[in-house]
PDB file of N, CA and C in Angstrom:
ATOM      1  N   MET A   1       6.161  -5.103  17.717  1.00  0.00           N
ATOM      2  CA  MET A   1       5.392  -4.057  16.753  1.00  0.00           C
ATOM      3  C   MET A   1       6.279  -3.775  16.077  1.00  0.00           C
ATOM      4  N   ILE A   2       5.546  -3.666  14.668  1.00  0.00           N
ATOM      5  CA  ILE A   2       5.579  -2.692  13.648  1.00  0.00           C
ATOM      6  C   ILE A   2       5.412  -2.008  13.248  1.00  0.00           C
ATOM      7  N   ILE A   3       5.376  -0.577  12.814  1.00  0.00           N
ATOM      8  CA  ILE A   3       5.122   0.186  12.434  1.00  0.00           C
ATOM      9  C   ILE A   3       5.354   0.839  10.800  1.00  0.00           C
ATOM     10  N   VAL A   4       4.486   0.749   9.805  1.00  0.00           N
ATOM     11  CA  VAL A   4       5.005   1.080   8.467  1.00  0.00           C
ATOM     12  C   VAL A   4       4.574   2.684   8.256  1.00  0.00           C
ATOM     13  N   ALA A   5       5.169   3.765   7.827  1.00  0.00           N
ATOM     14  CA  ALA A   5       4.790   5.243   7.657  1.00  0.00           C
ATOM     15  C   ALA A   5       5.500   5.670   6.746  1.00  0.00           C
ATOM     16  N   GLY A   6       4.940   6.608   6.148  1.00  0.00           N
ATOM     17  CA  GLY A   6       5.583   7.503   5.042  1.00  0.00           C
ATOM     18  C   GLY A   6       4.429   7.882   4.013  1.00  0.00           C
ATOM     19  N   SER A   7       4.912   7.994   2.734  1.00  0.00           N
ATOM     20  CA  SER A   7       4.214   8.574   1.895  1.00  0.00           C
ATOM     21  C   SER A   7       4.250   8.399   0.418  1.00  0.00           C
ATOM     22  N   LEU A   8       3.557   8.297  -0.334  1.00  0.00           N
ATOM     23  CA  LEU A   8       3.397   7.662  -1.600  1.00  0.00           C
ATOM     24  C   LEU A   8       3.067   9.256  -2.468  1.00  0.00           C
ATOM     25  N   ASN A   9       3.687   9.467  -3.883  1.00  0.00           N
ATOM     26  CA  ASN A   9       3.348  10.429  -4.602  1.00  0.00           C
ATOM     27  C   ASN A   9       2.655   9.821  -5.854  1.00  0.00           C
ATOM     28  N   VAL A  10       1.567  10.626  -6.178  1.00  0.00           N
ATOM     29  CA  VAL A  10       0.694  10.026  -7.477  1.00  0.00           C
ATOM     30  C   VAL A  10       0.266  11.722  -7.829  1.00  0.00           C
ATOM     31  N   ALA A  11      -0.174  11.209  -9.676  1.00  0.00           N
ATOM     32  CA  ALA A  11      -0.747  12.971 -10.358  1.00  0.00           C
ATOM     33  C   ALA A  11      -1.874  13.098  -9.129  1.00  0.00           C
ATOM     34  N   PRO A  12      -1.817  14.727  -9.071  1.00  0.00           N
ATOM     35  CA  PRO A  12      -2.669  15.215  -8.503  1.00  0.00           C
ATOM     36  C   PRO A  12      -4.176  14.782  -8.861  1.00  0.00           C
ATOM     37  N   GLU A  13      -4.302  14.848 -10.066  1.00  0.00           N
ATOM     38  CA  GLU A  13      -5.724  14.574 -10.890  1.00  0.00           C
ATOM     39  C   GLU A  13      -6.385  13.445 -10.858  1.00  0.00           C
ATOM     40  N   HIS A  14      -5.581  11.830  -9.831  1.00  0.00           N
ATOM     41  CA  HIS A  14      -5.539  10.696 -10.012  1.00  0.00           C
ATOM     42  C   HIS A  14      -5.812  10.160  -8.282  1.00  0.00           C
ATOM     43  N   ARG A  15      -5.139  11.472  -7.321  1.00  0.00           N
ATOM     44  CA  ARG A  15      -5.507  10.646  -6.239  1.00  0.00           C
ATOM     45  C   ARG A  15      -6.530  10.348  -5.759  1.00  0.00           C
ATOM     46  N   SER A  16      -7.376  11.003  -5.830  1.00  0.00           N
ATOM     47  CA  SER A  16      -8.714  10.432  -5.018  1.00  0.00           C
ATOM     48  C   SER A  16      -9.215   9.190  -5.379  1.00  0.00           C
ATOM     49  N   ALA A  17      -8.904   8.939  -7.318  1.00  0.00           N
ATOM     50  CA  ALA A  17      -9.060   7.465  -7.652  1.00  0.00           C
ATOM     51  C   ALA A  17      -8.413   6.439  -6.937  1.00  0.00           C
ATOM     52  N   TYR A  18      -7.180   6.801  -7.220  1.00  0.00           N
ATOM     53  CA  TYR A  18      -6.226   5.815  -6.328  1.00  0.00           C
ATOM     54  C   TYR A  18      -6.414   5.585  -4.726  1.00  0.00           C
ATOM     55  N   LEU A  19      -7.529   6.536  -4.138  1.00  0.00           N
ATOM     56  CA  LEU A  19      -7.456   6.009  -2.422  1.00  0.00           C
ATOM     57  C   LEU A  19      -9.086   5.129  -2.160  1.00  0.00           C
ATOM     58  N   ASP A  20      -9.918   5.704  -3.831  1.00  0.00           N
ATOM     59  CA  ASP A  20     -11.020   4.501  -3.819  1.00  0.00           C
ATOM     60  C   ASP A  20     -10.680   3.834  -4.226  1.00  0.00           C
ATOM     61  N   HIS A  21      -9.681   3.561  -4.951  1.00  0.00           N
ATOM     62  CA  HIS A  21      -8.943   1.670  -5.277  1.00  0.00           C
ATOM     63  C   HIS A  21      -8.318   1.288  -4.353  1.00  0.00           C
ATOM     64  N   CYS A  22      -8.237   1.884  -3.733  1.00  0.00           N
ATOM     65  CA  CYS A  22      -7.554   0.995  -1.972  1.00  0.00           C
ATOM     66  C   CYS A  22      -8.003   0.929  -1.027  1.00  0.00           C
ATOM     67  N   ARG A  23      -9.629   1.246  -0.839  1.00  0.00           N
ATOM     68  CA  ARG A  23     -10.802   0.570  -0.053  1.00  0.00           C
ATOM     69  C   ARG A  23     -10.467  -0.639   0.335  1.00  0.00           C
ATOM     70  N   GLU A  24     -10.754  -1.736  -0.945  1.00  0.00           N
ATOM     71  CA  GLU A  24     -10.668  -2.558  -0.778  1.00  0.00           C
ATOM     72  C   GLU A  24      -9.949  -3.561   0.120  1.00  0.00           C
ATOM     73  N   VAL A  25      -8.576  -2.634  -0.021  1.00  0.00           N
ATOM     74  CA  VAL A  25      -7.067  -2.931   0.574  1.00  0.00           C
ATOM     75  C   VAL A  25      -7.030  -2.299   1.869  1.00  0.00           C
ATOM     76  N   ILE A  26      -7.167  -1.547   2.354  1.00  0.00           N
ATOM     77  CA  ILE A  26      -7.092  -1.204   3.519  1.00  0.00           C
ATOM     78  C   ILE A  26      -8.312  -1.648   4.437  1.00  0.00           C
ATOM     79  N   SER A  27      -9.806  -2.076   3.982  1.00  0.00           N
ATOM     80  CA  SER A  27     -10.854  -2.818   4.671  1.00  0.00           C
ATOM     81  C   SER A  27     -10.019  -4.481   4.914  1.00  0.00           C
ATOM     82  N   SER A  28      -9.243  -5.128   4.172  1.00  0.00           N
ATOM     83  CA  SER A  28      -8.661  -6.475   3.957  1.00  0.00           C
ATOM     84  C   SER A  28      -7.358  -6.254   5.204  1.00  0.00           C
ATOM     85  N   ALA A  29      -6.897  -5.196   5.239  1.00  0.00           N
ATOM     86  CA  ALA A  29      -5.767  -5.128   5.975  1.00  0.00           C
ATOM     87  C   ALA A  29      -6.269  -4.863   7.523  1.00  0.00           C
ATOM     88  N   ARG A  30      -7.514  -4.293   7.778  1.00  0.00           N
ATOM     89  CA  ARG A  30      -8.123  -3.981   8.807  1.00  0.00           C
ATOM     90  C   ARG A  30      -8.916  -5.381   9.582  1.00  0.00           C
ATOM     91  N   SER A  31      -9.341  -6.274   8.701  1.00  0.00           N
ATOM     92  CA  SER A  31      -9.930  -7.014   9.291  1.00  0.00           C
ATOM     93  C   SER A  31      -8.484  -8.455   9.237  1.00  0.00           C
ATOM     94  N   THR A  32      -7.456  -8.011   9.170  1.00  0.00           N
ATOM     95  CA  THR A  32      -6.449  -8.955   9.270  1.00  0.00           C
ATOM     96  C   THR A  32      -5.843  -9.633  10.324  1.00  0.00           C
ATOM     97  N   PRO A  33      -5.956 -10.310  10.732  1.00  0.00           N
ATOM     98  CA  PRO A  33      -5.423 -10.622  12.299  1.00  0.00           C
ATOM     99  C   PRO A  33      -4.127 -10.227  12.668  1.00  0.00           C
ATOM    100  N   GLY A  34      -3.896  -9.222  13.957  1.00  0.00           N
ATOM    101  CA  GLY A  34      -2.250  -8.844  13.928  1.00  0.00           C
ATOM    102  C   GLY A  34      -1.957  -7.382  13.096  1.00  0.00           C
ATOM    103  N   CYS A  35      -3.178  -6.765  12.274  1.00  0.00           N
ATOM    104  CA  CYS A  35      -3.285  -5.358  12.235  1.00  0.00           C
ATOM    105  C   CYS A  35      -3.631  -4.981  13.043  1.00  0.00           C
ATOM    106  N   LEU A  36      -3.220  -3.404  13.581  1.00  0.00           N
ATOM    107  CA  LEU A  36      -3.589  -2.994  14.799  1.00  0.00           C
ATOM    108  C   LEU A  36      -4.066  -1.928  14.367  1.00  0.00           C
ATOM    109  N   ASP A  37      -3.707  -1.184  13.180  1.00  0.00           N
ATOM    110  CA  ASP A  37      -4.135   0.128  12.620  1.00  0.00           C
ATOM    111  C   ASP A  37      -3.488   0.294  10.873  1.00  0.00           C
ATOM    112  N   PHE A  38      -4.427   0.652  10.155  1.00  0.00           N
ATOM    113  CA  PHE A  38      -4.043   0.981   8.600  1.00  0.00           C
ATOM    114  C   PHE A  38      -4.844   1.955   8.328  1.00  0.00           C
ATOM    115  N   HIS A  39      -4.538   2.843   7.534  1.00  0.00           N
ATOM    116  CA  HIS A  39      -4.811   4.501   7.027  1.00  0.00           C
ATOM    117  C   HIS A  39      -3.693   4.793   5.530  1.00  0.00           C
ATOM    118  N   LEU A  40      -4.339   5.282   4.885  1.00  0.00           N
ATOM    119  CA  LEU A  40      -3.919   5.632   3.589  1.00  0.00           C
ATOM    120  C   LEU A  40      -5.038   6.997   3.613  1.00  0.00           C
ATOM    121  N   SER A  41      -4.261   8.132   3.845  1.00  0.00           N
ATOM    122  CA  SER A  41      -5.003   9.073   3.500  1.00  0.00           C
ATOM    123  C   SER A  41      -4.381  10.221   2.678  1.00  0.00           C
ATOM    124  N   ALA A  42      -5.376  11.105   1.844  1.00  0.00           N
ATOM    125  CA  ALA A  42      -4.897  12.523   1.304  1.00  0.00           C
ATOM    126  C   ALA A  42      -3.989  13.348   1.875  1.00  0.00           C
ATOM    127  N   ASP A  43      -3.050  14.077   1.907  1.00  0.00           N
ATOM    128  CA  ASP A  43      -2.237  15.177   2.605  1.00  0.00           C
ATOM    129  C   ASP A  43      -3.214  16.606   2.225  1.00  0.00           C
ATOM    130  N   PRO A  44      -3.638  16.960   3.262  1.00  0.00           N
ATOM    131  CA  PRO A  44      -4.409  18.213   3.205  1.00  0.00           C
ATOM    132  C   PRO A  44      -3.373  19.265   2.176  1.00  0.00           C
ATOM    133  N   LEU A  45      -2.032  19.354   2.309  1.00  0.00           N
ATOM    134  CA  LEU A  45      -1.279  20.592   1.782  1.00  0.00           C
ATOM    135  C   LEU A  45      -0.631  20.337   0.403  1.00  0.00           C
ATOM    136  N   GLU A  46      -0.588  18.591   0.436  1.00  0.00           N
ATOM    137  CA  GLU A  46       0.389  18.457  -1.163  1.00  0.00           C
ATOM    138  C   GLU A  46      -0.800  17.823  -2.027  1.00  0.00           C
ATOM    139  N   ALA A  47      -0.988  17.991  -3.157  1.00  0.00           N
ATOM    140  CA  ALA A  47      -1.884  17.322  -4.205  1.00  0.00           C
ATOM    141  C   ALA A  47      -2.112  16.594  -4.553  1.00  0.00           C
ATOM    142  N   GLY A  48      -0.592  15.405  -4.401  1.00  0.00           N
ATOM    143  CA  GLY A  48      -0.618  14.606  -4.908  1.00  0.00           C
ATOM    144  C   GLY A  48      -0.297  13.257  -3.891  1.00  0.00           C
ATOM    145  N   ARG A  49       0.160  14.168  -2.797  1.00  0.00           N
ATOM    146  CA  ARG A  49       0.825  13.281  -1.589  1.00  0.00           C
ATOM    147  C   ARG A  49      -0.310  12.242  -1.103  1.00  0.00           C
ATOM    148  N   ILE A  50      -0.046  11.085  -0.666  1.00  0.00           N
ATOM    149  CA  ILE A  50      -1.299  10.377   0.029  1.00  0.00           C
ATOM    150  C   ILE A  50      -0.117   9.491   1.180  1.00  0.00           C
ATOM    151  N   ASN A  51      -0.052  10.130   2.783  1.00  0.00           N
ATOM    152  CA  ASN A  51       0.086   9.768   3.557  1.00  0.00           C
ATOM    153  C   ASN A  51       0.072   7.930   4.094  1.00  0.00           C
ATOM    154  N   VAL A  52       0.875   7.314   4.189  1.00  0.00           N
ATOM    155  CA  VAL A  52       0.575   6.000   4.642  1.00  0.00           C
ATOM    156  C   VAL A  52       0.899   5.616   5.935  1.00  0.00           C
ATOM    157  N   TYR A  53       0.355   4.764   7.142  1.00  0.00           N
ATOM    158  CA  TYR A  53       0.516   4.717   8.269  1.00  0.00           C
ATOM    159  C   TYR A  53      -0.257   3.375   8.670  1.00  0.00           C
ATOM    160  N   GLU A  54       0.568   2.423   8.879  1.00  0.00           N
ATOM    161  CA  GLU A  54       0.339   1.067   9.413  1.00  0.00           C
ATOM    162  C   GLU A  54       0.860   0.469  10.560  1.00  0.00           C
ATOM    163  N   ARG A  55      -0.211  -0.047  11.485  1.00  0.00           N
ATOM    164  CA  ARG A  55       0.532  -0.677  13.192  1.00  0.00           C
ATOM    165  C   ARG A  55       0.341  -2.217  12.785  1.00  0.00           C
ATOM    166  N   TRP A  56       1.610  -2.737  12.860  1.00  0.00           N
ATOM    167  CA  TRP A  56       1.132  -4.438  13.160  1.00  0.00           C
ATOM    168  C   TRP A  56       1.797  -4.870  14.171  1.00  0.00           C
ATOM    169  N   ARG A  57       0.979  -6.104  14.808  1.00  0.00           N
ATOM    170  CA  ARG A  57       1.680  -6.913  16.125  1.00  0.00           C
ATOM    171  C   ARG A  57       3.112  -7.258  15.829  1.00  0.00           C
ATOM    172  N   GLY A  58       3.422  -7.855  14.307  1.00  0.00           N
ATOM    173  CA  GLY A  58       4.780  -8.621  14.161  1.00  0.00           C
ATOM    174  C   GLY A  58       4.912  -9.071  12.681  1.00  0.00           C
ATOM    175  N   ARG A  59       5.654  -9.293  12.725  1.00  0.00           N
ATOM    176  CA  ARG A  59       6.679  -9.711  11.534  1.00  0.00           C
ATOM    177  C   ARG A  59       5.720 -10.487  10.298  1.00  0.00           C
ATOM    178  N   THR A  60       5.053 -11.514  11.764  1.00  0.00           N
ATOM    179  CA  THR A  60       4.369 -12.410  10.828  1.00  0.00           C
ATOM    180  C   THR A  60       2.868 -12.062  10.140  1.00  0.00           C
ATOM    181  N   GLU A  61       2.752 -11.523  10.537  1.00  0.00           N
ATOM    182  CA  GLU A  61       1.247 -10.824  10.029  1.00  0.00           C
ATOM    183  C   GLU A  61       1.128  -9.537   9.623  1.00  0.00           C
ATOM    184  N   LEU A  62       2.492  -9.224   9.481  1.00  0.00           N
ATOM    185  CA  LEU A  62       2.780  -8.003   8.641  1.00  0.00           C
ATOM    186  C   LEU A  62       3.002  -9.110   6.852  1.00  0.00           C
ATOM    187  N   ASP A  63       4.050  -9.446   6.901  1.00  0.00           N
ATOM    188  CA  ASP A  63       3.999 -10.227   5.736  1.00  0.00           C
ATOM    189  C   ASP A  63       3.285 -11.436   5.051  1.00  0.00           C
ATOM    190  N   THR A  64       2.205 -11.893   6.072  1.00  0.00           N
ATOM    191  CA  THR A  64       1.214 -12.562   5.335  1.00  0.00           C
ATOM    192  C   THR A  64       0.226 -11.286   4.766  1.00  0.00           C
ATOM    193  N   PHE A  65       0.014 -10.763   5.582  1.00  0.00           N
ATOM    194  CA  PHE A  65      -0.559  -9.532   4.475  1.00  0.00           C
ATOM    195  C   PHE A  65      -0.129  -8.884   3.650  1.00  0.00           C
ATOM    196  N   ARG A  66       0.792  -8.584   3.448  1.00  0.00           N
ATOM    197  CA  ARG A  66       1.848  -8.044   2.315  1.00  0.00           C
ATOM    198  C   ARG A  66       1.745  -8.541   0.999  1.00  0.00           C
ATOM    199  N   GLY A  67       1.975  -9.805   1.220  1.00  0.00           N
ATOM    200  CA  GLY A  67       2.208 -10.937   0.126  1.00  0.00           C
ATOM    201  C   GLY A  67       2.831 -10.665  -0.996  1.00  0.00           C
ATOM    202  N   SER A  68       2.402  -9.963  -2.290  1.00  0.00           N
ATOM    203  CA  SER A  68       2.913  -9.376  -3.015  1.00  0.00           C
ATOM    204  C   SER A  68       2.868  -8.464  -3.829  1.00  0.00           C
ATOM    205  N   GLY A  69       2.132  -7.652  -2.593  1.00  0.00           N
ATOM    206  CA  GLY A  69       2.706  -5.996  -2.791  1.00  0.00           C
ATOM    207  C   GLY A  69       1.343  -5.871  -3.674  1.00  0.00           C
ATOM    208  N   THR A  70       1.313  -4.360  -4.325  1.00  0.00           N
ATOM    209  CA  THR A  70       0.335  -3.644  -5.014  1.00  0.00           C
ATOM    210  C   THR A  70       0.002  -4.306  -6.251  1.00  0.00           C
ATOM    211  N   ASP A  71      -1.017  -4.015  -7.062  1.00  0.00           N
ATOM    212  CA  ASP A  71      -0.649  -4.513  -8.208  1.00  0.00           C
ATOM    213  C   ASP A  71      -0.413  -3.557  -9.430  1.00  0.00           C
ATOM    214  N   ASP A  72      -0.640  -3.798 -10.491  1.00  0.00           N
ATOM    215  CA  ASP A  72       0.328  -3.422 -11.511  1.00  0.00           C
ATOM    216  C   ASP A  72      -0.719  -2.174 -11.770  1.00  0.00           C
ATOM    217  N   GLU A  73      -1.905  -1.822 -11.481  1.00  0.00           N
ATOM    218  CA  GLU A  73      -2.337  -0.649 -11.765  1.00  0.00           C
ATOM    219  C   GLU A  73      -1.820   0.151 -10.672  1.00  0.00           C
ATOM    220  N   GLN A  74      -2.003  -0.061  -9.666  1.00  0.00           N
ATOM    221  CA  GLN A  74      -1.555   1.039  -8.751  1.00  0.00           C
ATOM    222  C   GLN A  74      -0.179   1.497  -8.835  1.00  0.00           C
ATOM    223  N   ASN A  75       0.594   0.035  -9.099  1.00  0.00           N
ATOM    224  CA  ASN A  75       2.112   0.615  -9.006  1.00  0.00           C
ATOM    225  C   ASN A  75       2.426   0.943 -10.170  1.00  0.00           C
ATOM    226  N   ALA A  76       1.552   1.290 -11.445  1.00  0.00           N
ATOM    227  CA  ALA A  76       2.049   2.099 -12.365  1.00  0.00           C
ATOM    228  C   ALA A  76       1.509   4.117 -12.025  1.00  0.00           C
ATOM    229  N   GLN A  77       0.498   3.945 -10.878  1.00  0.00           N
ATOM    230  CA  GLN A  77       0.107   4.983 -10.322  1.00  0.00           C
ATOM    231  C   GLN A  77       1.135   6.122  -9.532  1.00  0.00           C
ATOM    232  N   ILE A  78       2.129   5.214  -8.910  1.00  0.00           N
ATOM    233  CA  ILE A  78       2.747   5.816  -7.745  1.00  0.00           C
ATOM    234  C   ILE A  78       4.011   6.225  -8.624  1.00  0.00           C
ATOM    235  N   LEU A  79       4.351   7.430  -8.229  1.00  0.00           N
ATOM    236  CA  LEU A  79       5.489   8.625  -8.886  1.00  0.00           C
ATOM    237  C   LEU A  79       6.756   8.384  -8.403  1.00  0.00           C
ATOM    238  N   GLY A  80       6.285   8.441  -6.931  1.00  0.00           N
ATOM    239  CA  GLY A  80       7.368   8.317  -5.818  1.00  0.00           C
ATOM    240  C   GLY A  80       6.993   7.427  -4.654  1.00  0.00           C
ATOM    241  N   ALA A  81       7.926   7.778  -3.685  1.00  0.00           N
ATOM    242  CA  ALA A  81       7.127   6.751  -2.393  1.00  0.00           C
ATOM    243  C   ALA A  81       8.262   6.787  -1.062  1.00  0.00           C
ATOM    244  N   ASP A  82       8.182   7.244  -0.400  1.00  0.00           N
ATOM    245  CA  ASP A  82       9.091   7.272   0.711  1.00  0.00           C
ATOM    246  C   ASP A  82       8.654   6.529   2.118  1.00  0.00           C
ATOM    247  N   VAL A  83       8.358   5.431   2.116  1.00  0.00           N
ATOM    248  CA  VAL A  83       7.756   4.479   3.326  1.00  0.00           C
ATOM    249  C   VAL A  83       8.727   3.616   3.801  1.00  0.00           C
ATOM    250  N   ARG A  84       9.069   3.713   5.239  1.00  0.00           N
ATOM    251  CA  ARG A  84      10.071   3.098   5.454  1.00  0.00           C
ATOM    252  C   ARG A  84       9.231   2.601   7.113  1.00  0.00           C
ATOM    253  N   GLU A  85       9.675   1.207   7.479  1.00  0.00           N
ATOM    254  CA  GLU A  85       9.327  -0.017   8.580  1.00  0.00           C
ATOM    255  C   GLU A  85      10.296   0.661  10.136  1.00  0.00           C
ATOM    256  N   TYR A  86       9.200   0.918  10.973  1.00  0.00           N
ATOM    257  CA  TYR A  86      10.046   0.865  11.997  1.00  0.00           C
ATOM    258  C   TYR A  86       9.726  -0.245  13.013  1.00  0.00           C
ATOM    259  N   ILE A  87      10.294  -1.013  14.137  1.00  0.00           N
ATOM    260  CA  ILE A  87      10.434  -1.639  14.961  1.00  0.00           C
ATOM    261  C   ILE A  87      10.396  -1.727  16.367  1.00  0.00           C
ATOM    262  N   CYS A  88       9.282  -1.629  16.981  1.00  0.00           N
ATOM    263  CA  CYS A  88       9.317  -0.857  18.003  1.00  0.00           C
ATOM    264  C   CYS A  88       9.002  -2.022  19.022  1.00  0.00           C
ATOM    265  N   ASP A  89       9.821  -2.213  20.371  1.00  0.00           N
ATOM    266  CA  ASP A  89      10.182  -3.064  21.356  1.00  0.00           C
ATOM    267  C   ASP A  89       8.762  -2.565  22.704  1.00  0.00           C
ATOM    268  N   ARG A  90       8.348  -1.409  22.597  1.00  0.00           N
ATOM    269  CA  ARG A  90       7.610  -0.760  23.325  1.00  0.00           C
ATOM    270  C   ARG A  90       6.849   0.080  23.156  1.00  0.00           C
ATOM    271  N   GLU A  91       5.572   0.154  23.646  1.00  0.00           N
ATOM    272  CA  GLU A  91       4.728   1.169  23.558  1.00  0.00           C
ATOM    273  C   GLU A  91       4.262   1.864  24.624  1.00  0.00           C
ATOM    274  N   ILE A  92       4.009   3.232  24.867  1.00  0.00           N
ATOM    275  CA  ILE A  92       3.411   3.814  25.910  1.00  0.00           C
ATOM    276  C   ILE A  92       2.451   4.907  25.626  1.00  0.00           C
ATOM    277  N   ARG A  93       1.149   3.927  26.271  1.00  0.00           N
ATOM    278  CA  ARG A  93       0.148   5.471  26.068  1.00  0.00           C
ATOM    279  C   ARG A  93       0.258   6.210  26.504  1.00  0.00           C
ATOM    280  N   LEU A  94      -0.356   7.640  25.671  1.00  0.00           N
ATOM    281  CA  LEU A  94      -0.457   9.274  25.962  1.00  0.00           C
ATOM    282  C   LEU A  94      -1.929   9.644  26.598  1.00  0.00           C
TER     283      LEU A  94
END
């Protein structure tokens, strides 16, 4: 299993529009075989921060979905990012 987690930073006045633009991506990801979870959400404390959380069954599924990545319009809006992949070999239900 692969977890992708972190945050993106956009101009606070553009965050809502950025997230609206991502609705189709989120929907597409969630319907992709191997996607266990996919979220992009506004951080409640930092005005320009978007929290990222993805959970994938494996590398093949993630790479197939990822393709060429974000489009040019989205890339232009990202002022900074700290997103990482975590490779997990087991999970424990809480």
